[in-house]
Amino acid sequence: MDRKSIIILVVSFALLVLWFPLINKIYPPKIVPRTNVQAHATGSLAQATSAFPVRTTDGTSPIPPVPVTPSAPEQILVLTKA
């Protein structure tokens, strides 16, 4: 490799290393305010979040999980290549 190729490789590597800090400097990340999911959970949203319970700092679950029972019998399907 000649000198020009080595310089191009070094500059490319430096750009890759500095890309993330450079982008954060040009376009700073927006700060999103934290929201409490439990305070806004009503109706179907409360049922959806109960499948994935949120743990509090003391280790208890504020919303008990709701067991899901199937509404139809289990069926086994066989796929064949025609």
C-alpha atoms as a PDB file:
ATOM      1  CA  MET A   1       0.000   0.000   0.000  1.00  0.00           C
ATOM      2  CA  ASP A   2       1.218   3.443  -0.778  1.00  0.00           C
ATOM      3  CA  ARG A   3       1.137   6.518   1.435  1.00  0.00           C
ATOM      4  CA  LYS A   4      -2.146   7.834  -0.019  1.00  0.00           C
ATOM      5  CA  SER A   5      -4.042   4.621   0.825  1.00  0.00           C
ATOM      6  CA  ILE A   6      -2.739   4.580   4.389  1.00  0.00           C
ATOM      7  CA  ILE A   7      -3.776   8.221   4.911  1.00  0.00           C
ATOM      8  CA  ILE A   8      -7.271   7.476   3.567  1.00  0.00           C
ATOM      9  CA  LEU A   9      -7.609   4.458   5.887  1.00  0.00           C
ATOM     10  CA  VAL A  10      -6.456   6.431   8.946  1.00  0.00           C
ATOM     11  CA  VAL A  11      -8.827   9.330   8.194  1.00  0.00           C
ATOM     12  CA  SER A  12     -11.725   6.910   7.606  1.00  0.00           C
ATOM     13  CA  PHE A  13     -11.035   5.098  10.883  1.00  0.00           C
ATOM     14  CA  ALA A  14     -10.817   8.412  12.781  1.00  0.00           C
ATOM     15  CA  LEU A  15     -14.128   9.515  11.260  1.00  0.00           C
ATOM     16  CA  LEU A  16     -15.773   6.258  12.316  1.00  0.00           C
ATOM     17  CA  VAL A  17     -14.464   6.625  15.877  1.00  0.00           C
ATOM     18  CA  LEU A  18     -15.541  10.267  16.156  1.00  0.00           C
ATOM     19  CA  TRP A  19     -18.878   9.881  14.347  1.00  0.00           C
ATOM     20  CA  PHE A  20     -21.078   9.240  17.426  1.00  0.00           C
ATOM     21  CA  PRO A  21     -19.743  12.138  19.560  1.00  0.00           C
ATOM     22  CA  LEU A  22     -19.836  14.435  16.522  1.00  0.00           C
ATOM     23  CA  ILE A  23     -23.479  13.662  15.771  1.00  0.00           C
ATOM     24  CA  ASN A  24     -24.422  14.159  19.451  1.00  0.00           C
ATOM     25  CA  LYS A  25     -22.666  17.528  19.358  1.00  0.00           C
ATOM     26  CA  ILE A  26     -24.406  18.686  16.155  1.00  0.00           C
ATOM     27  CA  TYR A  27     -27.828  17.165  16.968  1.00  0.00           C
ATOM     28  CA  PRO A  28     -28.103  16.849  20.762  1.00  0.00           C
ATOM     29  CA  PRO A  29     -30.538  14.175  21.964  1.00  0.00           C
ATOM     30  CA  LYS A  30     -33.923  15.414  23.119  1.00  0.00           C
ATOM     31  CA  ILE A  31     -34.723  14.844  26.779  1.00  0.00           C
ATOM     32  CA  VAL A  32     -38.036  13.028  27.122  1.00  0.00           C
ATOM     33  CA  PRO A  33     -39.908  13.532  30.408  1.00  0.00           C
ATOM     34  CA  ARG A  34     -40.567  10.356  32.344  1.00  0.00           C
ATOM     35  CA  THR A  35     -44.197   9.308  32.678  1.00  0.00           C
ATOM     36  CA  ASN A  36     -45.817   6.898  35.082  1.00  0.00           C
ATOM     37  CA  VAL A  37     -47.465   4.116  33.072  1.00  0.00           C
ATOM     38  CA  GLN A  38     -49.643   3.092  36.006  1.00  0.00           C
ATOM     39  CA  ALA A  39     -51.123   6.575  36.417  1.00  0.00           C
ATOM     40  CA  HIS A  40     -52.263   6.633  32.785  1.00  0.00           C
ATOM     41  CA  ALA A  41     -53.324   2.988  32.566  1.00  0.00           C
ATOM     42  CA  THR A  42     -57.087   2.787  32.197  1.00  0.00           C
ATOM     43  CA  GLY A  43     -59.386   0.331  30.458  1.00  0.00           C
ATOM     44  CA  SER A  44     -57.726  -1.906  27.876  1.00  0.00           C
ATOM     45  CA  LEU A  45     -54.333  -0.329  28.512  1.00  0.00           C
ATOM     46  CA  ALA A  46     -54.478  -1.533  32.119  1.00  0.00           C
ATOM     47  CA  GLN A  47     -55.159  -5.070  30.905  1.00  0.00           C
ATOM     48  CA  ALA A  48     -52.317  -4.872  28.387  1.00  0.00           C
ATOM     49  CA  THR A  49     -49.824  -3.652  30.965  1.00  0.00           C
ATOM     50  CA  SER A  50     -50.894  -6.287  33.469  1.00  0.00           C
ATOM     51  CA  ALA A  51     -49.386  -8.981  31.228  1.00  0.00           C
ATOM     52  CA  PHE A  52     -45.994  -7.369  31.927  1.00  0.00           C
ATOM     53  CA  PRO A  53     -46.165  -6.276  35.569  1.00  0.00           C
ATOM     54  CA  VAL A  54     -44.051  -3.342  36.674  1.00  0.00           C
ATOM     55  CA  ARG A  55     -42.006  -3.906  39.809  1.00  0.00           C
ATOM     56  CA  THR A  56     -41.761  -1.176  42.410  1.00  0.00           C
ATOM     57  CA  THR A  57     -38.679  -0.387  44.461  1.00  0.00           C
ATOM     58  CA  ASP A  58     -39.771  -2.666  47.297  1.00  0.00           C
ATOM     59  CA  GLY A  59     -40.155  -5.654  44.934  1.00  0.00           C
ATOM     60  CA  THR A  60     -43.951  -5.892  44.964  1.00  0.00           C
ATOM     61  CA  SER A  61     -46.121  -5.903  41.876  1.00  0.00           C
ATOM     62  CA  PRO A  62     -48.665  -3.052  41.869  1.00  0.00           C
ATOM     63  CA  ILE A  63     -50.875  -4.721  39.211  1.00  0.00           C
ATOM     64  CA  PRO A  64     -51.553  -8.448  39.588  1.00  0.00           C
ATOM     65  CA  PRO A  65     -51.058 -10.390  36.332  1.00  0.00           C
ATOM     66  CA  VAL A  66     -54.221 -11.590  34.591  1.00  0.00           C
ATOM     67  CA  PRO A  67     -54.083 -15.207  33.377  1.00  0.00           C
ATOM     68  CA  VAL A  68     -55.051 -15.613  29.732  1.00  0.00           C
ATOM     69  CA  THR A  69     -57.259 -18.595  28.948  1.00  0.00           C
ATOM     70  CA  PRO A  70     -57.652 -19.780  25.354  1.00  0.00           C
ATOM     71  CA  SER A  71     -61.114 -19.315  23.865  1.00  0.00           C
ATOM     72  CA  ALA A  72     -60.854 -22.100  21.250  1.00  0.00           C
ATOM     73  CA  PRO A  73     -59.601 -25.693  21.438  1.00  0.00           C
ATOM     74  CA  GLU A  74     -56.069 -26.425  20.295  1.00  0.00           C
ATOM     75  CA  GLN A  75     -55.692 -27.530  16.686  1.00  0.00           C
ATOM     76  CA  ILE A  76     -52.707 -29.160  15.017  1.00  0.00           C
ATOM     77  CA  LEU A  77     -52.153 -28.122  11.408  1.00  0.00           C
ATOM     78  CA  VAL A  78     -50.017 -30.128   8.997  1.00  0.00           C
ATOM     79  CA  LEU A  79     -48.408 -28.289   6.114  1.00  0.00           C
ATOM     80  CA  THR A  80     -47.608 -30.226   2.988  1.00  0.00           C
ATOM     81  CA  LYS A  81     -45.763 -29.144  -0.101  1.00  0.00           C
ATOM     82  CA  ALA A  82     -47.945 -29.659  -3.141  1.00  0.00           C
END
